[in-house]
């Protein structure tokens, strides 16, 4: 079954019956700057990390671009270019980081946030609210889902019919012809 053969009305009915498939989690697009610090770090290491974060915050307050400061400050595995971490949903990162990120509005930068990885300065670039994806945005996905279900149903019907014909001893070619299939003999 081709998705384009599914009418908008059929797709809407399927969408309404399968709304759990279209639930989206709240997400934030974040970048960060990390001063690595072990959870059990000695006081001297924590002091050094806090000094590093204070220097980073001063640079940001002076008007330096977050991405430029992130690239200059982050280690090689801390994040992508510009401190990018991409979109995150709740439950996908450590709680302290998540709580701070979701509390910020787009464009806002956090103060130091302590996590098991160290001290972070977090910038939220964008937010997506959670909830049900609107039908207009889910139409193609609903058509594809319904087409897959209808295709699977048709396939099962054909297979059941062919198995029944086989049990009844009908010739394979005759059964296949009913479904515009070609019977091949193995040899």
N, C-alpha and C. Protein backbone atom coordinates (compact mmCIF):
# COMPACT_ATOMS: atom_id res chain seq x y z
N UNK A 1 0.86 -1.17 0.00
CA UNK A 1 0.00 0.00 0.00
C UNK A 1 0.90 1.23 0.00
N UNK A 2 0.64 2.12 -0.92
CA UNK A 2 1.45 3.34 -1.03
C UNK A 2 0.87 4.43 -0.10
N UNK A 3 1.72 5.12 0.65
CA UNK A 3 1.24 6.16 1.57
C UNK A 3 0.40 7.23 0.87
N UNK A 4 0.75 7.56 -0.38
CA UNK A 4 0.00 8.61 -1.09
C UNK A 4 -1.43 8.17 -1.44
N UNK A 5 -1.71 6.86 -1.34
CA UNK A 5 -3.06 6.38 -1.62
C UNK A 5 -3.97 6.52 -0.40
N UNK A 6 -3.42 6.88 0.73
CA UNK A 6 -4.19 7.05 1.96
C UNK A 6 -4.77 8.47 1.98
N UNK A 7 -6.08 8.57 2.14
CA UNK A 7 -6.71 9.89 2.17
C UNK A 7 -6.38 10.62 3.46
N UNK A 8 -6.56 11.92 3.44
CA UNK A 8 -6.31 12.71 4.65
C UNK A 8 -7.27 12.29 5.76
N UNK A 9 -8.52 11.99 5.40
CA UNK A 9 -9.50 11.57 6.41
C UNK A 9 -9.10 10.24 7.05
N UNK A 10 -8.63 9.29 6.24
CA UNK A 10 -8.17 8.00 6.78
C UNK A 10 -6.96 8.21 7.69
N UNK A 11 -6.04 9.07 7.23
CA UNK A 11 -4.83 9.35 8.01
C UNK A 11 -5.20 10.01 9.34
N UNK A 12 -6.16 10.93 9.32
CA UNK A 12 -6.58 11.61 10.55
C UNK A 12 -7.17 10.61 11.54
N UNK A 13 -8.01 9.70 11.03
CA UNK A 13 -8.62 8.69 11.90
C UNK A 13 -7.54 7.82 12.54
N UNK A 14 -6.54 7.42 11.75
CA UNK A 14 -5.44 6.59 12.26
C UNK A 14 -4.60 7.38 13.27
N UNK A 15 -4.34 8.65 12.95
CA UNK A 15 -3.58 9.54 13.85
C UNK A 15 -4.28 9.63 15.21
N UNK A 16 -5.60 9.83 15.19
CA UNK A 16 -6.35 9.97 16.43
C UNK A 16 -6.37 8.67 17.24
N UNK A 17 -6.35 7.53 16.55
CA UNK A 17 -6.34 6.24 17.23
C UNK A 17 -4.94 5.86 17.73
N UNK A 18 -3.91 6.54 17.23
CA UNK A 18 -2.52 6.20 17.57
C UNK A 18 -1.75 7.42 18.08
N UNK A 19 -2.41 8.27 18.85
CA UNK A 19 -1.78 9.51 19.28
C UNK A 19 -0.51 9.30 20.09
N UNK A 20 -0.39 8.16 20.78
CA UNK A 20 0.83 7.93 21.55
C UNK A 20 2.07 7.90 20.66
N UNK A 21 1.90 7.57 19.38
CA UNK A 21 3.04 7.57 18.44
C UNK A 21 3.51 8.98 18.10
N UNK A 22 2.66 9.95 18.37
CA UNK A 22 2.95 11.33 17.97
C UNK A 22 3.24 12.25 19.16
N UNK A 23 3.41 11.65 20.34
CA UNK A 23 3.78 12.43 21.52
C UNK A 23 5.26 12.78 21.43
N UNK A 24 5.57 14.03 21.63
CA UNK A 24 6.95 14.49 21.59
C UNK A 24 7.35 14.99 22.97
N UNK A 25 8.58 14.70 23.36
CA UNK A 25 9.09 15.19 24.63
C UNK A 25 9.58 16.62 24.49
N UNK A 26 9.50 17.35 25.60
CA UNK A 26 10.08 18.68 25.64
C UNK A 26 11.59 18.52 25.41
N UNK A 27 12.17 19.41 24.62
CA UNK A 27 13.59 19.34 24.32
C UNK A 27 14.22 20.73 24.37
N UNK A 28 15.51 20.74 24.65
CA UNK A 28 16.28 21.98 24.57
C UNK A 28 17.52 21.72 23.72
N UNK A 29 17.87 22.71 22.93
CA UNK A 29 19.11 22.65 22.14
C UNK A 29 20.15 23.42 22.94
N UNK A 30 21.21 22.70 23.31
CA UNK A 30 22.18 23.31 24.21
C UNK A 30 23.61 23.25 23.69
N UNK A 31 24.39 24.17 24.22
CA UNK A 31 25.84 24.16 24.05
C UNK A 31 26.39 24.34 25.46
N UNK A 32 27.61 23.89 25.67
CA UNK A 32 28.18 24.07 27.01
C UNK A 32 29.69 24.23 26.93
N UNK A 33 30.21 24.73 28.02
CA UNK A 33 31.65 24.81 28.23
C UNK A 33 31.90 24.01 29.50
N UNK A 34 32.85 23.10 29.44
CA UNK A 34 33.11 22.20 30.56
C UNK A 34 34.51 22.39 31.13
N UNK A 35 34.53 22.56 32.44
CA UNK A 35 35.80 22.50 33.17
C UNK A 35 35.78 21.13 33.85
N UNK A 36 36.50 20.15 33.29
CA UNK A 36 36.44 18.78 33.84
C UNK A 36 36.88 18.76 35.31
N UNK A 37 36.13 17.96 36.09
CA UNK A 37 36.42 17.85 37.51
C UNK A 37 35.81 16.57 38.02
N UNK A 38 36.62 15.67 38.54
CA UNK A 38 36.13 14.40 39.07
C UNK A 38 35.23 14.66 40.28
N UNK A 39 34.28 13.77 40.49
CA UNK A 39 33.36 13.93 41.63
C UNK A 39 34.10 13.97 42.96
N UNK A 40 35.16 13.19 43.08
CA UNK A 40 35.90 13.12 44.33
C UNK A 40 37.20 13.93 44.28
N UNK A 41 37.19 14.97 43.46
CA UNK A 41 38.41 15.78 43.28
C UNK A 41 38.78 16.48 44.59
N UNK A 42 40.07 16.64 44.81
CA UNK A 42 40.51 17.37 46.01
C UNK A 42 40.13 18.86 45.90
N UNK A 43 40.11 19.51 47.04
CA UNK A 43 39.70 20.91 47.11
C UNK A 43 40.51 21.80 46.18
N UNK A 44 41.80 21.52 46.04
CA UNK A 44 42.66 22.33 45.17
C UNK A 44 42.22 22.24 43.71
N UNK A 45 41.85 21.03 43.28
CA UNK A 45 41.38 20.85 41.89
C UNK A 45 40.05 21.57 41.67
N UNK A 46 39.19 21.51 42.67
CA UNK A 46 37.90 22.20 42.54
C UNK A 46 38.11 23.71 42.48
N UNK A 47 39.02 24.22 43.29
CA UNK A 47 39.32 25.66 43.28
C UNK A 47 39.81 26.08 41.89
N UNK A 48 40.70 25.28 41.32
CA UNK A 48 41.24 25.57 39.99
C UNK A 48 40.14 25.56 38.93
N UNK A 49 39.23 24.59 39.00
CA UNK A 49 38.12 24.51 38.04
C UNK A 49 37.19 25.71 38.19
N UNK A 50 36.92 26.11 39.44
CA UNK A 50 36.04 27.28 39.66
C UNK A 50 36.70 28.56 39.14
N UNK A 51 38.02 28.67 39.27
CA UNK A 51 38.74 29.83 38.73
C UNK A 51 38.63 29.83 37.20
N UNK A 52 38.75 28.65 36.60
CA UNK A 52 38.63 28.54 35.14
C UNK A 52 37.23 28.97 34.69
N UNK A 53 36.20 28.53 35.39
CA UNK A 53 34.82 28.91 35.05
C UNK A 53 34.61 30.40 35.25
N UNK A 54 35.17 30.97 36.31
CA UNK A 54 35.04 32.42 36.55
C UNK A 54 35.67 33.21 35.40
N UNK A 55 36.81 32.74 34.90
CA UNK A 55 37.47 33.39 33.77
C UNK A 55 36.58 33.29 32.52
N UNK A 56 36.00 32.14 32.30
CA UNK A 56 35.10 31.92 31.15
C UNK A 56 33.88 32.84 31.25
N UNK A 57 33.30 32.92 32.45
CA UNK A 57 32.14 33.80 32.64
C UNK A 57 32.50 35.26 32.39
N UNK A 58 33.70 35.67 32.80
CA UNK A 58 34.14 37.05 32.57
C UNK A 58 34.27 37.32 31.07
N UNK A 59 34.80 36.33 30.33
CA UNK A 59 34.92 36.50 28.88
C UNK A 59 33.54 36.65 28.24
N UNK A 60 32.61 35.83 28.69
CA UNK A 60 31.25 35.89 28.13
C UNK A 60 30.58 37.23 28.47
N UNK A 61 30.77 37.70 29.70
CA UNK A 61 30.18 38.98 30.12
C UNK A 61 30.78 40.15 29.35
N UNK A 62 32.03 39.98 28.89
CA UNK A 62 32.68 41.07 28.14
C UNK A 62 32.18 41.12 26.70
N UNK A 63 31.32 40.18 26.34
CA UNK A 63 30.74 40.21 25.00
C UNK A 63 31.29 39.20 24.03
N UNK A 64 32.24 38.37 24.47
CA UNK A 64 32.77 37.35 23.58
C UNK A 64 31.69 36.34 23.23
N UNK A 65 31.72 35.88 22.01
CA UNK A 65 30.75 34.90 21.53
C UNK A 65 30.91 33.57 22.27
N UNK A 66 29.78 32.98 22.67
CA UNK A 66 29.80 31.72 23.42
C UNK A 66 30.55 30.64 22.66
N UNK A 67 30.28 30.51 21.38
CA UNK A 67 30.91 29.45 20.57
C UNK A 67 32.43 29.62 20.52
N UNK A 68 32.89 30.85 20.41
CA UNK A 68 34.33 31.12 20.36
C UNK A 68 34.99 30.74 21.69
N UNK A 69 34.35 31.13 22.79
CA UNK A 69 34.89 30.81 24.12
C UNK A 69 34.85 29.30 24.34
N UNK A 70 33.76 28.65 23.90
CA UNK A 70 33.64 27.20 24.05
C UNK A 70 34.76 26.48 23.29
N UNK A 71 34.99 26.89 22.06
CA UNK A 71 36.04 26.25 21.26
C UNK A 71 37.42 26.42 21.89
N UNK A 72 37.65 27.58 22.49
CA UNK A 72 38.95 27.84 23.11
C UNK A 72 39.10 27.13 24.47
N UNK A 73 37.97 26.83 25.12
CA UNK A 73 38.02 26.31 26.49
C UNK A 73 37.78 24.81 26.61
N UNK A 74 36.95 24.26 25.75
CA UNK A 74 36.59 22.84 25.87
C UNK A 74 37.72 21.92 25.43
N UNK A 75 37.81 20.78 26.10
CA UNK A 75 38.73 19.74 25.68
C UNK A 75 38.20 19.05 24.43
N UNK A 76 38.95 18.13 23.86
CA UNK A 76 38.58 17.51 22.58
C UNK A 76 37.29 16.69 22.61
N UNK A 77 36.90 16.14 23.75
CA UNK A 77 35.69 15.31 23.80
C UNK A 77 34.55 15.94 24.57
N UNK A 78 34.66 17.22 24.89
CA UNK A 78 33.64 17.87 25.73
C UNK A 78 32.36 18.15 24.97
N UNK A 79 32.46 18.45 23.68
CA UNK A 79 31.29 18.82 22.89
C UNK A 79 31.71 18.99 21.44
N UNK A 80 30.71 19.30 20.61
CA UNK A 80 31.00 19.59 19.21
C UNK A 80 31.51 21.01 19.06
N UNK A 81 31.69 21.45 17.82
CA UNK A 81 32.13 22.83 17.59
C UNK A 81 31.21 23.83 18.28
N UNK A 82 31.81 24.83 18.89
CA UNK A 82 31.03 25.86 19.58
C UNK A 82 30.39 25.37 20.86
N UNK A 83 30.82 24.21 21.34
CA UNK A 83 30.24 23.67 22.57
C UNK A 83 28.93 22.94 22.35
N UNK A 84 28.56 22.74 21.08
CA UNK A 84 27.27 22.15 20.74
C UNK A 84 27.09 20.74 21.29
N UNK A 85 25.94 20.52 21.92
CA UNK A 85 25.52 19.19 22.35
C UNK A 85 24.27 18.74 21.60
N UNK A 86 23.63 19.66 20.89
CA UNK A 86 22.42 19.34 20.13
C UNK A 86 21.19 19.34 21.02
N UNK A 87 20.15 18.65 20.53
CA UNK A 87 18.87 18.60 21.23
C UNK A 87 18.92 17.51 22.30
N UNK A 88 18.47 17.86 23.50
CA UNK A 88 18.37 16.85 24.55
C UNK A 88 16.94 16.87 25.12
N UNK A 89 16.48 15.69 25.50
CA UNK A 89 15.18 15.55 26.14
C UNK A 89 15.41 15.21 27.61
N UNK A 90 14.39 15.38 28.40
CA UNK A 90 14.50 15.03 29.82
C UNK A 90 14.85 13.56 29.96
N UNK A 91 15.71 13.27 30.91
CA UNK A 91 16.10 11.90 31.17
C UNK A 91 17.25 11.41 30.31
N UNK A 92 17.79 12.26 29.46
CA UNK A 92 18.86 11.85 28.54
C UNK A 92 20.25 12.31 28.99
N UNK A 93 20.31 13.05 30.07
CA UNK A 93 21.60 13.50 30.59
C UNK A 93 21.53 13.53 32.11
N UNK A 94 22.60 13.90 32.77
CA UNK A 94 22.61 13.91 34.23
C UNK A 94 21.65 14.98 34.76
N UNK A 95 21.05 14.70 35.92
CA UNK A 95 19.98 15.53 36.45
C UNK A 95 20.38 16.99 36.66
N UNK A 96 21.52 17.25 37.25
CA UNK A 96 21.92 18.64 37.51
C UNK A 96 22.02 19.43 36.21
N UNK A 97 22.61 18.82 35.19
CA UNK A 97 22.75 19.48 33.89
C UNK A 97 21.37 19.71 33.29
N UNK A 98 20.54 18.66 33.31
CA UNK A 98 19.19 18.73 32.74
C UNK A 98 18.36 19.81 33.44
N UNK A 99 18.37 19.81 34.77
CA UNK A 99 17.57 20.79 35.51
C UNK A 99 17.97 22.22 35.14
N UNK A 100 19.27 22.46 35.06
CA UNK A 100 19.75 23.81 34.70
C UNK A 100 19.36 24.16 33.27
N UNK A 101 19.54 23.22 32.34
CA UNK A 101 19.26 23.50 30.93
C UNK A 101 17.77 23.79 30.70
N UNK A 102 16.90 23.01 31.31
CA UNK A 102 15.47 23.21 31.10
C UNK A 102 14.93 24.44 31.82
N UNK A 103 15.67 24.96 32.80
CA UNK A 103 15.25 26.16 33.52
C UNK A 103 15.58 27.44 32.74
N UNK A 104 16.50 27.33 31.77
CA UNK A 104 16.91 28.50 30.99
C UNK A 104 15.98 28.74 29.82
N UNK A 105 15.92 29.98 29.39
CA UNK A 105 15.19 30.36 28.17
C UNK A 105 16.20 30.46 27.03
N UNK A 106 15.74 30.35 25.78
CA UNK A 106 16.66 30.47 24.64
C UNK A 106 17.48 31.76 24.73
N UNK A 107 18.79 31.62 24.53
CA UNK A 107 19.71 32.75 24.60
C UNK A 107 20.34 32.94 25.96
N UNK A 108 19.76 32.34 27.00
CA UNK A 108 20.30 32.49 28.34
C UNK A 108 21.48 31.56 28.57
N UNK A 109 22.39 32.03 29.46
CA UNK A 109 23.57 31.26 29.83
C UNK A 109 23.52 31.06 31.34
N UNK A 110 23.82 29.84 31.77
CA UNK A 110 23.77 29.51 33.20
C UNK A 110 25.01 29.97 33.93
N UNK A 111 24.90 29.97 35.24
CA UNK A 111 26.08 30.07 36.10
C UNK A 111 26.71 28.69 36.14
N UNK A 112 27.72 28.48 36.97
CA UNK A 112 28.37 27.17 37.03
C UNK A 112 27.38 26.08 37.50
N UNK A 113 27.40 24.96 36.81
CA UNK A 113 26.55 23.83 37.15
C UNK A 113 27.47 22.64 37.39
N UNK A 114 27.37 22.04 38.58
CA UNK A 114 28.23 20.90 38.94
C UNK A 114 27.55 19.60 38.52
N UNK A 115 28.29 18.76 37.84
CA UNK A 115 27.81 17.43 37.47
C UNK A 115 28.93 16.44 37.76
N UNK A 116 28.69 15.15 37.58
CA UNK A 116 29.77 14.17 37.77
C UNK A 116 30.94 14.40 36.82
N UNK A 117 30.75 15.19 35.77
CA UNK A 117 31.81 15.42 34.78
C UNK A 117 32.64 16.65 35.08
N UNK A 118 32.10 17.55 35.89
CA UNK A 118 32.82 18.77 36.21
C UNK A 118 31.88 19.94 36.36
N UNK A 119 32.40 21.13 36.02
CA UNK A 119 31.61 22.35 36.08
C UNK A 119 31.26 22.78 34.66
N UNK A 120 29.99 23.09 34.46
CA UNK A 120 29.49 23.47 33.13
C UNK A 120 29.00 24.91 33.16
N UNK A 121 29.15 25.58 32.04
CA UNK A 121 28.41 26.80 31.74
C UNK A 121 27.57 26.41 30.54
N UNK A 122 26.24 26.54 30.68
CA UNK A 122 25.30 26.03 29.69
C UNK A 122 24.60 27.19 28.99
N UNK A 123 24.47 27.07 27.68
CA UNK A 123 23.69 28.03 26.91
C UNK A 123 22.57 27.27 26.21
N UNK A 124 21.34 27.76 26.38
CA UNK A 124 20.20 27.18 25.67
C UNK A 124 20.00 28.00 24.41
N UNK A 125 20.03 27.30 23.29
CA UNK A 125 19.88 27.97 22.00
C UNK A 125 18.44 27.99 21.52
N UNK A 126 17.69 26.94 21.86
CA UNK A 126 16.28 26.86 21.43
C UNK A 126 15.56 25.86 22.31
N UNK A 127 14.23 25.92 22.29
CA UNK A 127 13.40 25.00 23.05
C UNK A 127 12.27 24.50 22.16
N UNK A 128 11.91 23.23 22.38
CA UNK A 128 10.74 22.65 21.73
C UNK A 128 9.83 22.17 22.85
N UNK A 129 8.60 22.67 22.89
CA UNK A 129 7.70 22.19 23.93
C UNK A 129 7.31 20.74 23.67
N UNK A 130 6.98 20.04 24.70
CA UNK A 130 6.50 18.67 24.54
C UNK A 130 5.02 18.67 24.21
N UNK A 131 4.50 17.50 23.92
CA UNK A 131 3.07 17.37 23.66
C UNK A 131 2.81 16.65 22.37
N UNK A 132 1.57 16.66 21.98
CA UNK A 132 1.12 15.96 20.79
C UNK A 132 1.50 16.75 19.54
N UNK A 133 2.18 16.07 18.62
CA UNK A 133 2.54 16.70 17.34
C UNK A 133 1.23 17.03 16.60
N UNK A 134 1.07 18.25 16.11
CA UNK A 134 -0.16 18.59 15.39
C UNK A 134 -0.35 17.72 14.15
N UNK A 135 -1.61 17.43 13.83
CA UNK A 135 -1.91 16.55 12.70
C UNK A 135 -1.25 17.03 11.41
N UNK A 136 -1.29 18.33 11.15
CA UNK A 136 -0.70 18.83 9.90
C UNK A 136 0.78 18.48 9.79
N UNK A 137 1.48 18.43 10.93
CA UNK A 137 2.90 18.07 10.94
C UNK A 137 3.11 16.56 10.90
N UNK A 138 2.06 15.82 11.26
CA UNK A 138 2.17 14.36 11.35
C UNK A 138 1.47 13.65 10.19
N UNK A 139 0.89 14.39 9.25
CA UNK A 139 0.09 13.79 8.18
C UNK A 139 0.87 12.73 7.40
N UNK A 140 2.06 13.04 6.93
CA UNK A 140 2.82 12.08 6.13
C UNK A 140 3.20 10.86 6.95
N UNK A 141 3.58 11.08 8.18
CA UNK A 141 3.92 9.97 9.08
C UNK A 141 2.70 9.08 9.34
N UNK A 142 1.52 9.69 9.49
CA UNK A 142 0.29 8.92 9.70
C UNK A 142 -0.05 8.12 8.44
N UNK A 143 0.11 8.73 7.28
CA UNK A 143 -0.13 8.00 6.03
C UNK A 143 0.80 6.79 5.91
N UNK A 144 2.07 6.98 6.25
CA UNK A 144 3.04 5.88 6.17
C UNK A 144 2.69 4.77 7.16
N UNK A 145 2.30 5.14 8.37
CA UNK A 145 1.95 4.15 9.38
C UNK A 145 0.74 3.34 8.98
N UNK A 146 -0.30 4.02 8.48
CA UNK A 146 -1.51 3.32 8.04
C UNK A 146 -1.22 2.45 6.82
N UNK A 147 -0.42 2.95 5.90
CA UNK A 147 -0.06 2.17 4.70
C UNK A 147 0.69 0.90 5.10
N UNK A 148 1.58 1.00 6.06
CA UNK A 148 2.31 -0.18 6.53
C UNK A 148 1.35 -1.20 7.15
N UNK A 149 0.43 -0.72 7.96
CA UNK A 149 -0.54 -1.63 8.58
C UNK A 149 -1.41 -2.30 7.52
N UNK A 150 -1.91 -1.51 6.57
CA UNK A 150 -2.76 -2.08 5.52
C UNK A 150 -1.98 -3.06 4.65
N UNK A 151 -0.73 -2.73 4.35
CA UNK A 151 0.10 -3.63 3.56
C UNK A 151 0.35 -4.95 4.28
N UNK A 152 0.62 -4.87 5.58
CA UNK A 152 0.84 -6.09 6.37
C UNK A 152 -0.44 -6.93 6.42
N UNK A 153 -1.59 -6.27 6.57
CA UNK A 153 -2.87 -7.00 6.59
C UNK A 153 -3.10 -7.72 5.26
N UNK A 154 -2.84 -7.03 4.15
CA UNK A 154 -3.02 -7.65 2.83
C UNK A 154 -2.07 -8.83 2.65
N UNK A 155 -0.84 -8.67 3.07
CA UNK A 155 0.14 -9.75 2.96
C UNK A 155 -0.31 -10.97 3.75
N UNK A 156 -0.78 -10.75 4.97
CA UNK A 156 -1.26 -11.86 5.79
C UNK A 156 -2.46 -12.55 5.14
N UNK A 157 -3.38 -11.76 4.56
CA UNK A 157 -4.55 -12.34 3.88
C UNK A 157 -4.11 -13.23 2.71
N UNK A 158 -3.17 -12.76 1.91
CA UNK A 158 -2.68 -13.53 0.77
C UNK A 158 -2.01 -14.82 1.25
N UNK A 159 -1.15 -14.70 2.24
CA UNK A 159 -0.45 -15.89 2.76
C UNK A 159 -1.43 -16.90 3.34
N UNK A 160 -2.40 -16.41 4.12
CA UNK A 160 -3.41 -17.32 4.68
C UNK A 160 -4.16 -18.04 3.58
N UNK A 161 -4.52 -17.32 2.54
CA UNK A 161 -5.26 -17.91 1.43
C UNK A 161 -4.42 -18.95 0.69
N UNK A 162 -3.15 -18.64 0.45
CA UNK A 162 -2.26 -19.57 -0.24
C UNK A 162 -2.04 -20.84 0.60
N UNK A 163 -1.90 -20.68 1.90
CA UNK A 163 -1.73 -21.84 2.78
C UNK A 163 -2.99 -22.70 2.76
N UNK A 164 -4.14 -22.05 2.82
CA UNK A 164 -5.41 -22.80 2.79
C UNK A 164 -5.54 -23.56 1.47
N UNK A 165 -5.24 -22.90 0.35
CA UNK A 165 -5.30 -23.56 -0.96
C UNK A 165 -4.36 -24.76 -1.00
N UNK A 166 -3.17 -24.60 -0.42
CA UNK A 166 -2.20 -25.69 -0.39
C UNK A 166 -2.73 -26.88 0.41
N UNK A 167 -3.34 -26.59 1.55
CA UNK A 167 -3.91 -27.65 2.39
C UNK A 167 -5.02 -28.37 1.63
N UNK A 168 -5.80 -27.62 0.85
CA UNK A 168 -6.91 -28.22 0.09
C UNK A 168 -6.44 -28.89 -1.20
N UNK A 169 -5.13 -28.80 -1.48
CA UNK A 169 -4.57 -29.47 -2.65
C UNK A 169 -4.77 -28.75 -3.96
N UNK A 170 -5.10 -27.47 -3.92
CA UNK A 170 -5.28 -26.71 -5.16
C UNK A 170 -3.92 -26.46 -5.80
N UNK A 171 -3.86 -26.42 -7.12
CA UNK A 171 -2.59 -26.14 -7.80
C UNK A 171 -2.06 -24.74 -7.44
N UNK A 172 -0.76 -24.65 -7.22
CA UNK A 172 -0.12 -23.38 -6.85
C UNK A 172 -0.35 -22.31 -7.91
N UNK A 173 -0.27 -22.68 -9.17
CA UNK A 173 -0.44 -21.71 -10.26
C UNK A 173 -1.83 -21.08 -10.20
N UNK A 174 -2.85 -21.88 -9.89
CA UNK A 174 -4.22 -21.37 -9.80
C UNK A 174 -4.35 -20.39 -8.63
N UNK A 175 -3.79 -20.76 -7.49
CA UNK A 175 -3.84 -19.89 -6.31
C UNK A 175 -3.08 -18.59 -6.56
N UNK A 176 -1.92 -18.71 -7.17
CA UNK A 176 -1.10 -17.53 -7.43
C UNK A 176 -1.79 -16.58 -8.41
N UNK A 177 -2.47 -17.14 -9.40
CA UNK A 177 -3.15 -16.32 -10.41
C UNK A 177 -4.22 -15.44 -9.77
N UNK A 178 -4.88 -15.95 -8.73
CA UNK A 178 -5.92 -15.17 -8.04
C UNK A 178 -5.37 -13.88 -7.47
N UNK A 179 -4.08 -13.86 -7.16
CA UNK A 179 -3.46 -12.68 -6.55
C UNK A 179 -2.45 -11.99 -7.49
N UNK A 180 -2.56 -12.30 -8.78
CA UNK A 180 -1.63 -11.76 -9.78
C UNK A 180 -0.17 -12.06 -9.43
N UNK A 181 0.04 -13.27 -8.90
CA UNK A 181 1.40 -13.72 -8.58
C UNK A 181 1.80 -14.78 -9.58
N UNK A 182 3.08 -14.97 -9.79
CA UNK A 182 3.58 -16.00 -10.67
C UNK A 182 4.06 -17.17 -9.84
N UNK A 183 3.58 -18.34 -10.16
CA UNK A 183 4.02 -19.55 -9.46
C UNK A 183 5.30 -20.05 -10.11
N UNK A 184 6.28 -20.33 -9.31
CA UNK A 184 7.54 -20.88 -9.83
C UNK A 184 7.73 -22.26 -9.23
N UNK A 185 8.15 -23.16 -10.08
CA UNK A 185 8.43 -24.50 -9.58
C UNK A 185 9.89 -24.59 -9.23
N UNK A 186 10.16 -25.19 -8.09
CA UNK A 186 11.56 -25.38 -7.71
C UNK A 186 12.05 -26.65 -8.36
N UNK A 187 13.31 -26.69 -8.60
CA UNK A 187 13.71 -27.78 -9.39
C UNK A 187 14.81 -28.58 -9.09
